[in-house]
Every structure is written in C-alpha cells, then in structure tokens.
Amino acid sequence: MKDRLQALHDADKECSEHVTELFGRYGSNRISVTAEEWDASTDVFAARDAARAALMPTEQDAINLMHEAYTRLKDLGWREAIYCPKDGSTFDAVEPGSTGIHETHYSGTWPDGHWYCFDGGDVWPSRPVLYRPTEAEKAENEARKERFRALASTPQDPTHKGEP
C-alpha cells in the first residue's frame, strides 16, 4: 500500500505543478490552452485518477482509508468537532474535502450554532469533523486529572458526602 500511496502523492504533485505552470503562463482567469497543452493536462489528471483508483479500488477501500486517517488524527490528539470550544474562541479544525488545518470558531448556542473558518482574510462556513484542543483546554484537562488523582489518593470517610 505504501508504494500506491507514494504513487498518488507523486501524481498529485505532478497535477499541482502542471496547473501552477499553466496559471503562471496564462494567469488565473480564463485559460486558453493549445491542443497539446489540453492533452497533457488530460494525461496528468488521468494518471492521478488512476493512482487514486489503485490505492482505493472500491468504495469500501476508500471508507476504510478515511476511517484509518480519522483514527490516526484522534491518536495524535484531535477530538470530534462537536466537543470544540463554544465560547467564540478560535481553534484548529479539519474538514472533509480539504487538506488544510484551518483556524475556526463556533458561533451561536449548541446545537443550533455554526462553525466558521478563517482563510485568506475571509470567513467561510465550515463543517469540521475534528478539532485540535487548544493549549488552555489541555492545561484545564491536566488540572482536572490532578484534582481527581488527589481525591482518589485521599482516604475517604464513608459518612462524608463532600470534598475531603
């Protein structure tokens, strides 16, 4: 699978370089290409599509790979977007269909609010799947764990109903 994944990365890179070259030559507005340039573009994109199909030949293969990526991001500390801060602060988020990590915030009252991400000086509606906990959240979580450890290690009076 590693060689098929590398082939897809290589094909994606070739597509990006090809498009960048065309934009460099013609600008980013309407592009008029020669027949040879059109054929070269078609070949580059067909090679990328073939590499993707080789890596994930079936729908289930694509779903399985998506699940593995989701699981790995969670292993790396990301959490489900529904647990993001809802106080208007910003956090990093990822969403399906994008390869970027975007500064995002949740606006409104859960569950009726909306996510918005910031990019290029603009604000866009978003539907993130995962977010990266902020340093403040991580510190708060560690403090909570410490308080629990302290409580758990303190002998308790079975008749006592409050804090030690």
N, C-alpha and C. Protein backbone atom coordinates (compact mmCIF):
# COMPACT_ATOMS: atom_id res chain seq x y z
N MET A 1 0.82 -1.19 0.00
CA MET A 1 0.00 0.00 0.00
C MET A 1 0.87 1.26 0.00
N LYS A 2 2.04 1.19 0.65
CA LYS A 2 2.91 2.36 0.75
C LYS A 2 3.32 2.84 -0.64
N ASP A 3 3.62 1.90 -1.55
CA ASP A 3 4.02 2.30 -2.89
C ASP A 3 2.85 2.93 -3.65
N ARG A 4 1.62 2.43 -3.42
CA ARG A 4 0.45 3.02 -4.07
C ARG A 4 0.15 4.41 -3.52
N LEU A 5 0.36 4.59 -2.21
CA LEU A 5 0.16 5.91 -1.60
C LEU A 5 1.21 6.89 -2.14
N GLN A 6 2.45 6.44 -2.27
CA GLN A 6 3.50 7.30 -2.83
C GLN A 6 3.19 7.65 -4.28
N ALA A 7 2.66 6.69 -5.04
CA ALA A 7 2.30 6.97 -6.43
C ALA A 7 1.21 8.04 -6.50
N LEU A 8 0.25 7.99 -5.57
CA LEU A 8 -0.80 9.00 -5.54
C LEU A 8 -0.21 10.37 -5.17
N HIS A 9 0.66 10.40 -4.18
CA HIS A 9 1.31 11.67 -3.80
C HIS A 9 2.08 12.25 -4.99
N ASP A 10 2.82 11.39 -5.69
CA ASP A 10 3.59 11.85 -6.85
C ASP A 10 2.67 12.39 -7.95
N ALA A 11 1.56 11.69 -8.20
CA ALA A 11 0.62 12.13 -9.24
C ALA A 11 -0.05 13.44 -8.83
N ASP A 12 -0.40 13.59 -7.56
CA ASP A 12 -0.98 14.85 -7.07
C ASP A 12 0.00 16.00 -7.26
N LYS A 13 1.26 15.74 -6.93
CA LYS A 13 2.30 16.77 -7.09
C LYS A 13 2.44 17.17 -8.55
N GLU A 14 2.41 16.19 -9.44
CA GLU A 14 2.53 16.49 -10.87
C GLU A 14 1.33 17.32 -11.35
N CYS A 15 0.13 17.01 -10.86
CA CYS A 15 -1.05 17.82 -11.21
C CYS A 15 -0.88 19.25 -10.74
N SER A 16 -0.45 19.41 -9.49
CA SER A 16 -0.27 20.76 -8.94
C SER A 16 0.76 21.55 -9.74
N GLU A 17 1.87 20.90 -10.07
CA GLU A 17 2.92 21.58 -10.84
C GLU A 17 2.41 21.96 -12.23
N HIS A 18 1.64 21.08 -12.83
CA HIS A 18 1.10 21.34 -14.16
C HIS A 18 0.15 22.54 -14.14
N VAL A 19 -0.76 22.57 -13.19
CA VAL A 19 -1.72 23.67 -13.08
C VAL A 19 -0.99 24.97 -12.75
N THR A 20 -0.02 24.90 -11.84
CA THR A 20 0.75 26.09 -11.48
C THR A 20 1.48 26.65 -12.70
N GLU A 21 2.01 25.77 -13.52
CA GLU A 21 2.70 26.20 -14.74
C GLU A 21 1.72 26.89 -15.69
N LEU A 22 0.53 26.32 -15.86
CA LEU A 22 -0.46 26.95 -16.75
C LEU A 22 -0.89 28.31 -16.21
N PHE A 23 -1.14 28.41 -14.90
CA PHE A 23 -1.52 29.69 -14.31
C PHE A 23 -0.39 30.70 -14.47
N GLY A 24 0.85 30.24 -14.31
CA GLY A 24 1.99 31.13 -14.48
C GLY A 24 2.09 31.66 -15.90
N ARG A 25 1.72 30.83 -16.84
CA ARG A 25 1.79 31.22 -18.24
C ARG A 25 0.60 32.08 -18.67
N TYR A 26 -0.59 31.76 -18.17
CA TYR A 26 -1.80 32.40 -18.67
C TYR A 26 -2.53 33.27 -17.64
N GLY A 27 -2.12 33.23 -16.38
CA GLY A 27 -2.86 33.95 -15.35
C GLY A 27 -3.94 33.07 -14.77
N SER A 28 -4.65 33.58 -13.77
CA SER A 28 -5.63 32.74 -13.08
C SER A 28 -7.06 32.96 -13.54
N ASN A 29 -7.24 33.77 -14.58
CA ASN A 29 -8.58 33.96 -15.12
C ASN A 29 -8.87 32.89 -16.17
N ARG A 30 -9.54 33.25 -17.19
CA ARG A 30 -9.86 32.31 -18.27
C ARG A 30 -8.58 31.85 -18.95
N ILE A 31 -8.44 30.54 -19.13
CA ILE A 31 -7.23 29.98 -19.73
C ILE A 31 -7.58 29.39 -21.09
N SER A 32 -6.86 29.77 -22.10
CA SER A 32 -6.99 29.18 -23.43
C SER A 32 -5.70 28.41 -23.68
N VAL A 33 -5.82 27.11 -23.81
CA VAL A 33 -4.62 26.28 -24.00
C VAL A 33 -4.60 25.70 -25.40
N THR A 34 -3.44 25.29 -25.80
CA THR A 34 -3.31 24.63 -27.10
C THR A 34 -3.81 23.20 -26.98
N ALA A 35 -4.00 22.55 -28.12
CA ALA A 35 -4.45 21.15 -28.11
C ALA A 35 -3.43 20.27 -27.39
N GLU A 36 -2.15 20.57 -27.58
CA GLU A 36 -1.10 19.79 -26.91
C GLU A 36 -1.16 19.99 -25.40
N GLU A 37 -1.38 21.23 -24.97
CA GLU A 37 -1.49 21.50 -23.53
C GLU A 37 -2.72 20.83 -22.94
N TRP A 38 -3.82 20.83 -23.71
CA TRP A 38 -5.04 20.16 -23.25
C TRP A 38 -4.78 18.66 -23.08
N ASP A 39 -4.15 18.05 -24.06
CA ASP A 39 -3.84 16.62 -23.98
C ASP A 39 -2.92 16.32 -22.81
N ALA A 40 -1.92 17.17 -22.60
CA ALA A 40 -1.00 16.97 -21.47
C ALA A 40 -1.76 17.07 -20.15
N SER A 41 -2.67 18.03 -20.05
CA SER A 41 -3.48 18.18 -18.83
C SER A 41 -4.34 16.94 -18.60
N THR A 42 -4.98 16.48 -19.66
CA THR A 42 -5.83 15.30 -19.55
C THR A 42 -5.02 14.10 -19.09
N ASP A 43 -3.82 13.94 -19.63
CA ASP A 43 -2.97 12.81 -19.25
C ASP A 43 -2.54 12.89 -17.78
N VAL A 44 -2.17 14.09 -17.33
CA VAL A 44 -1.71 14.27 -15.95
C VAL A 44 -2.85 13.95 -14.97
N PHE A 45 -4.04 14.46 -15.26
CA PHE A 45 -5.17 14.21 -14.36
C PHE A 45 -5.64 12.76 -14.42
N ALA A 46 -5.56 12.13 -15.59
CA ALA A 46 -5.92 10.72 -15.71
C ALA A 46 -4.95 9.84 -14.91
N ALA A 47 -3.68 10.22 -14.92
CA ALA A 47 -2.68 9.46 -14.14
C ALA A 47 -2.98 9.59 -12.65
N ARG A 48 -3.35 10.79 -12.20
CA ARG A 48 -3.70 10.97 -10.79
C ARG A 48 -4.93 10.15 -10.42
N ASP A 49 -5.96 10.16 -11.28
CA ASP A 49 -7.17 9.39 -11.01
C ASP A 49 -6.87 7.89 -10.99
N ALA A 50 -5.98 7.43 -11.86
CA ALA A 50 -5.60 6.01 -11.88
C ALA A 50 -4.85 5.63 -10.61
N ALA A 51 -3.98 6.53 -10.13
CA ALA A 51 -3.24 6.26 -8.89
C ALA A 51 -4.21 6.19 -7.71
N ARG A 52 -5.19 7.07 -7.67
CA ARG A 52 -6.19 7.04 -6.60
C ARG A 52 -7.00 5.75 -6.67
N ALA A 53 -7.39 5.33 -7.87
CA ALA A 53 -8.16 4.10 -8.03
C ALA A 53 -7.34 2.87 -7.63
N ALA A 54 -6.03 2.90 -7.89
CA ALA A 54 -5.18 1.78 -7.49
C ALA A 54 -5.07 1.69 -5.96
N LEU A 55 -5.02 2.84 -5.30
CA LEU A 55 -4.93 2.86 -3.84
C LEU A 55 -6.24 2.44 -3.20
N MET A 56 -7.35 2.90 -3.77
CA MET A 56 -8.68 2.62 -3.20
C MET A 56 -9.60 2.14 -4.32
N PRO A 57 -9.49 0.88 -4.71
CA PRO A 57 -10.26 0.41 -5.86
C PRO A 57 -11.77 0.36 -5.63
N THR A 58 -12.19 0.23 -4.39
CA THR A 58 -13.64 0.13 -4.13
C THR A 58 -14.08 1.22 -3.16
N GLU A 59 -15.38 1.40 -3.10
CA GLU A 59 -15.97 2.32 -2.15
C GLU A 59 -15.56 1.96 -0.72
N GLN A 60 -15.61 0.67 -0.41
CA GLN A 60 -15.26 0.23 0.94
C GLN A 60 -13.79 0.49 1.25
N ASP A 61 -12.91 0.33 0.25
CA ASP A 61 -11.49 0.65 0.46
C ASP A 61 -11.32 2.13 0.81
N ALA A 62 -12.05 3.00 0.11
CA ALA A 62 -11.98 4.44 0.39
C ALA A 62 -12.52 4.75 1.79
N ILE A 63 -13.61 4.12 2.16
CA ILE A 63 -14.18 4.32 3.50
C ILE A 63 -13.20 3.84 4.57
N ASN A 64 -12.59 2.68 4.34
CA ASN A 64 -11.62 2.15 5.31
C ASN A 64 -10.43 3.09 5.47
N LEU A 65 -9.92 3.65 4.37
CA LEU A 65 -8.79 4.56 4.44
C LEU A 65 -9.18 5.86 5.16
N MET A 66 -10.39 6.33 4.90
CA MET A 66 -10.89 7.52 5.59
C MET A 66 -10.99 7.26 7.09
N HIS A 67 -11.45 6.08 7.46
CA HIS A 67 -11.55 5.72 8.88
C HIS A 67 -10.16 5.65 9.53
N GLU A 68 -9.20 5.09 8.82
CA GLU A 68 -7.84 5.00 9.36
C GLU A 68 -7.25 6.40 9.58
N ALA A 69 -7.48 7.31 8.64
CA ALA A 69 -6.98 8.68 8.79
C ALA A 69 -7.65 9.36 9.99
N TYR A 70 -8.95 9.18 10.13
CA TYR A 70 -9.72 9.74 11.25
C TYR A 70 -9.17 9.20 12.58
N THR A 71 -8.96 7.90 12.64
CA THR A 71 -8.45 7.27 13.85
C THR A 71 -7.05 7.76 14.17
N ARG A 72 -6.20 7.90 13.16
CA ARG A 72 -4.84 8.37 13.39
C ARG A 72 -4.82 9.80 13.91
N LEU A 73 -5.66 10.67 13.36
CA LEU A 73 -5.74 12.04 13.85
C LEU A 73 -6.20 12.06 15.31
N LYS A 74 -7.12 11.20 15.67
CA LYS A 74 -7.55 11.12 17.07
C LYS A 74 -6.38 10.64 17.94
N ASP A 75 -5.60 9.68 17.44
CA ASP A 75 -4.41 9.22 18.17
C ASP A 75 -3.43 10.38 18.39
N LEU A 76 -3.40 11.33 17.45
CA LEU A 76 -2.50 12.48 17.53
C LEU A 76 -3.08 13.62 18.38
N GLY A 77 -4.24 13.38 19.02
CA GLY A 77 -4.78 14.36 19.94
C GLY A 77 -5.99 15.15 19.45
N TRP A 78 -6.41 14.95 18.21
CA TRP A 78 -7.58 15.65 17.70
C TRP A 78 -8.83 15.05 18.33
N ARG A 79 -9.90 15.85 18.42
CA ARG A 79 -11.17 15.40 19.00
C ARG A 79 -12.31 15.72 18.04
N GLU A 80 -13.45 15.07 18.26
CA GLU A 80 -14.62 15.32 17.44
C GLU A 80 -15.02 16.79 17.54
N ALA A 81 -15.41 17.37 16.43
CA ALA A 81 -15.71 18.80 16.37
C ALA A 81 -16.86 19.20 17.29
N ILE A 82 -17.76 18.28 17.60
CA ILE A 82 -18.88 18.65 18.48
C ILE A 82 -18.42 19.03 19.88
N TYR A 83 -17.19 18.66 20.25
CA TYR A 83 -16.65 18.99 21.57
C TYR A 83 -15.78 20.25 21.57
N CYS A 84 -15.76 20.98 20.46
CA CYS A 84 -14.92 22.18 20.37
C CYS A 84 -15.40 23.26 21.34
N PRO A 85 -14.53 24.24 21.62
CA PRO A 85 -14.96 25.37 22.45
C PRO A 85 -16.12 26.11 21.78
N LYS A 86 -17.07 26.51 22.58
CA LYS A 86 -18.23 27.21 22.03
C LYS A 86 -18.37 28.59 22.63
N ASP A 87 -17.22 29.15 23.01
CA ASP A 87 -17.19 30.47 23.63
C ASP A 87 -16.74 31.56 22.66
N GLY A 88 -16.67 31.24 21.37
CA GLY A 88 -16.23 32.21 20.37
C GLY A 88 -14.73 32.23 20.15
N SER A 89 -13.98 31.48 20.96
CA SER A 89 -12.53 31.42 20.76
C SER A 89 -12.22 30.61 19.50
N THR A 90 -10.99 30.74 19.03
CA THR A 90 -10.60 30.03 17.81
C THR A 90 -9.81 28.77 18.15
N PHE A 91 -9.83 27.84 17.22
CA PHE A 91 -9.14 26.57 17.36
C PHE A 91 -8.85 26.05 15.96
N ASP A 92 -7.94 25.10 15.85
CA ASP A 92 -7.64 24.47 14.57
C ASP A 92 -8.65 23.38 14.28
N ALA A 93 -9.06 23.26 13.01
CA ALA A 93 -10.02 22.22 12.63
C ALA A 93 -9.70 21.70 11.23
N VAL A 94 -10.14 20.47 10.97
CA VAL A 94 -10.04 19.88 9.64
C VAL A 94 -11.43 19.44 9.22
N GLU A 95 -11.67 19.48 7.92
CA GLU A 95 -12.97 19.05 7.41
C GLU A 95 -12.77 18.20 6.16
N PRO A 96 -13.72 17.32 5.90
CA PRO A 96 -13.63 16.50 4.69
C PRO A 96 -13.58 17.40 3.45
N GLY A 97 -12.79 17.01 2.48
CA GLY A 97 -12.68 17.76 1.25
C GLY A 97 -11.59 18.81 1.26
N SER A 98 -10.89 18.95 2.38
CA SER A 98 -9.82 19.93 2.47
C SER A 98 -8.57 19.26 3.02
N THR A 99 -7.42 19.70 2.57
CA THR A 99 -6.17 19.17 3.11
C THR A 99 -5.54 20.14 4.09
N GLY A 100 -6.25 21.23 4.40
CA GLY A 100 -5.70 22.24 5.29
C GLY A 100 -6.17 22.10 6.72
N ILE A 101 -5.41 22.72 7.61
CA ILE A 101 -5.81 22.90 9.00
C ILE A 101 -6.20 24.37 9.09
N HIS A 102 -7.47 24.62 9.43
CA HIS A 102 -7.98 25.98 9.38
C HIS A 102 -8.34 26.51 10.76
N GLU A 103 -7.99 27.78 10.98
CA GLU A 103 -8.41 28.46 12.19
C GLU A 103 -9.94 28.59 12.12
N THR A 104 -10.62 28.12 13.15
CA THR A 104 -12.08 28.00 13.13
C THR A 104 -12.66 28.51 14.44
N HIS A 105 -13.92 28.88 14.43
CA HIS A 105 -14.61 29.15 15.69
C HIS A 105 -16.07 28.74 15.54
N TYR A 106 -16.69 28.46 16.68
CA TYR A 106 -18.11 28.09 16.72
C TYR A 106 -18.87 29.32 17.17
N SER A 107 -19.91 29.67 16.44
CA SER A 107 -20.72 30.83 16.75
C SER A 107 -22.15 30.39 17.03
N GLY A 108 -22.70 30.86 18.13
CA GLY A 108 -24.09 30.53 18.46
C GLY A 108 -24.15 29.60 19.65
N THR A 109 -25.35 29.12 19.91
CA THR A 109 -25.60 28.23 21.03
C THR A 109 -25.76 26.81 20.51
N TRP A 110 -25.05 25.89 21.14
CA TRP A 110 -25.11 24.49 20.74
C TRP A 110 -26.52 23.96 20.96
N PRO A 111 -27.09 23.20 20.09
CA PRO A 111 -26.56 22.69 18.82
C PRO A 111 -27.01 23.49 17.61
N ASP A 112 -27.52 24.69 17.83
CA ASP A 112 -28.08 25.48 16.73
C ASP A 112 -27.10 26.46 16.10
N GLY A 113 -25.86 26.50 16.58
CA GLY A 113 -24.87 27.43 16.04
C GLY A 113 -24.21 26.88 14.79
N HIS A 114 -23.12 27.54 14.40
CA HIS A 114 -22.41 27.17 13.17
C HIS A 114 -20.92 27.36 13.36
N TRP A 115 -20.15 26.58 12.59
CA TRP A 115 -18.70 26.72 12.55
C TRP A 115 -18.33 27.65 11.40
N TYR A 116 -17.30 28.46 11.63
CA TYR A 116 -16.76 29.32 10.58
C TYR A 116 -15.25 29.21 10.62
N CYS A 117 -14.64 29.14 9.43
CA CYS A 117 -13.17 29.11 9.38
C CYS A 117 -12.67 30.38 8.69
N PHE A 118 -11.45 30.73 9.04
CA PHE A 118 -10.81 31.93 8.51
C PHE A 118 -9.76 31.50 7.50
N ASP A 119 -9.79 32.14 6.33
CA ASP A 119 -8.80 31.82 5.31
C ASP A 119 -8.68 32.98 4.34
N GLY A 120 -7.48 33.39 4.08
CA GLY A 120 -7.24 34.43 3.10
C GLY A 120 -7.92 35.75 3.41
N GLY A 121 -8.05 36.08 4.69
CA GLY A 121 -8.69 37.33 5.08
C GLY A 121 -10.20 37.31 5.00
N ASP A 122 -10.79 36.12 4.85
CA ASP A 122 -12.23 35.99 4.75
C ASP A 122 -12.72 34.95 5.76
N VAL A 123 -14.03 34.89 5.94
CA VAL A 123 -14.64 33.92 6.85
C VAL A 123 -15.58 33.05 6.02
N TRP A 124 -15.47 31.73 6.22
CA TRP A 124 -16.25 30.78 5.43
C TRP A 124 -17.03 29.83 6.34
N PRO A 125 -18.25 29.47 5.96
CA PRO A 125 -18.96 28.44 6.73
C PRO A 125 -18.17 27.14 6.66
N SER A 126 -18.23 26.37 7.71
CA SER A 126 -17.43 25.15 7.77
C SER A 126 -18.24 24.02 8.39
N ARG A 127 -17.85 22.80 8.11
CA ARG A 127 -18.42 21.60 8.73
C ARG A 127 -17.27 20.70 9.15
N PRO A 128 -16.50 21.12 10.16
CA PRO A 128 -15.32 20.32 10.54
C PRO A 128 -15.73 18.97 11.14
N VAL A 129 -14.83 18.02 10.97
CA VAL A 129 -15.05 16.70 11.57
C VAL A 129 -14.23 16.55 12.84
N LEU A 130 -13.05 17.19 12.88
CA LEU A 130 -12.18 17.12 14.05
C LEU A 130 -11.61 18.50 14.36
N TYR A 131 -11.30 18.71 15.63
CA TYR A 131 -10.61 19.93 16.02
C TYR A 131 -9.46 19.56 16.95
N ARG A 132 -8.46 20.44 17.00
CA ARG A 132 -7.31 20.22 17.86
C ARG A 132 -7.52 21.02 19.14
N PRO A 133 -7.54 20.34 20.30
CA PRO A 133 -7.72 21.08 21.56
C PRO A 133 -6.64 22.15 21.72
N THR A 134 -7.06 23.28 22.26
CA THR A 134 -6.14 24.39 22.49
C THR A 134 -5.25 24.09 23.69
N GLU A 135 -4.18 24.86 23.84
CA GLU A 135 -3.28 24.68 24.98
C GLU A 135 -4.03 24.91 26.30
N ALA A 136 -4.95 25.89 26.31
CA ALA A 136 -5.75 26.16 27.52
C ALA A 136 -6.61 24.95 27.88
N GLU A 137 -7.22 24.31 26.88
CA GLU A 137 -8.02 23.11 27.13
C GLU A 137 -7.15 21.98 27.68
N LYS A 138 -5.98 21.81 27.09
CA LYS A 138 -5.09 20.75 27.56
C LYS A 138 -4.68 20.99 29.00
N ALA A 139 -4.36 22.24 29.35
CA ALA A 139 -3.97 22.58 30.72
C ALA A 139 -5.13 22.35 31.68
N GLU A 140 -6.33 22.74 31.28
CA GLU A 140 -7.51 22.54 32.12
C GLU A 140 -7.77 21.05 32.34
N ASN A 141 -7.60 20.26 31.30
CA ASN A 141 -7.79 18.82 31.40
C ASN A 141 -6.76 18.19 32.35
N GLU A 142 -5.51 18.64 32.25
CA GLU A 142 -4.47 18.13 33.16
C GLU A 142 -4.77 18.51 34.60
N ALA A 143 -5.24 19.73 34.83
CA ALA A 143 -5.60 20.17 36.18
C ALA A 143 -6.75 19.32 36.72
N ARG A 144 -7.70 19.03 35.88
CA ARG A 144 -8.84 18.17 36.28
C ARG A 144 -8.34 16.78 36.66
N LYS A 145 -7.42 16.23 35.87
CA LYS A 145 -6.86 14.92 36.19
C LYS A 145 -6.11 14.94 37.52
N GLU A 146 -5.35 16.02 37.76
CA GLU A 146 -4.62 16.16 39.02
C GLU A 146 -5.58 16.19 40.21
N ARG A 147 -6.67 16.97 40.08
CA ARG A 147 -7.65 17.03 41.17
C ARG A 147 -8.25 15.65 41.42
N PHE A 148 -8.52 14.91 40.36
CA PHE A 148 -9.08 13.56 40.51
C PHE A 148 -8.07 12.65 41.20
N ARG A 149 -6.81 12.71 40.78
CA ARG A 149 -5.77 11.88 41.41
C ARG A 149 -5.66 12.20 42.89
N ALA A 150 -5.70 13.49 43.24
CA ALA A 150 -5.61 13.90 44.65
C ALA A 150 -6.81 13.36 45.43
N LEU A 151 -7.99 13.47 44.85
CA LEU A 151 -9.18 12.95 45.54
C LEU A 151 -9.11 11.43 45.68
N ALA A 152 -8.66 10.77 44.63
CA ALA A 152 -8.60 9.31 44.64
C ALA A 152 -7.57 8.79 45.63
N SER A 153 -6.52 9.56 45.90
CA SER A 153 -5.48 9.09 46.81
C SER A 153 -5.74 9.50 48.26
N THR A 154 -6.77 10.30 48.50
CA THR A 154 -7.11 10.74 49.86
C THR A 154 -8.08 9.75 50.48
N PRO A 155 -7.74 9.22 51.68
CA PRO A 155 -8.68 8.32 52.34
C PRO A 155 -10.00 9.04 52.59
N GLN A 156 -11.09 8.38 52.31
CA GLN A 156 -12.41 8.98 52.44
C GLN A 156 -13.16 8.42 53.65
N ASP A 157 -13.85 9.29 54.34
CA ASP A 157 -14.76 8.90 55.43
C ASP A 157 -16.06 8.46 54.75
N PRO A 158 -16.47 7.21 54.91
CA PRO A 158 -17.67 6.72 54.21
C PRO A 158 -18.93 7.51 54.57
N THR A 159 -18.93 8.23 55.69
CA THR A 159 -20.11 9.01 56.06
C THR A 159 -20.05 10.43 55.51
N HIS A 160 -18.87 10.81 54.96
CA HIS A 160 -18.67 12.17 54.45
C HIS A 160 -19.21 12.25 53.00
N LYS A 161 -19.99 13.28 52.69
CA LYS A 161 -20.62 13.40 51.37
C LYS A 161 -20.03 14.53 50.52
N GLY A 162 -19.02 15.22 50.97
CA GLY A 162 -18.46 16.34 50.21
C GLY A 162 -17.00 16.11 49.87
N GLU A 163 -16.27 17.21 49.66
CA GLU A 163 -14.84 17.11 49.34
C GLU A 163 -14.09 16.74 50.62
N PRO A 164 -12.91 16.14 50.48
CA PRO A 164 -12.13 15.73 51.66
C PRO A 164 -11.71 16.91 52.54
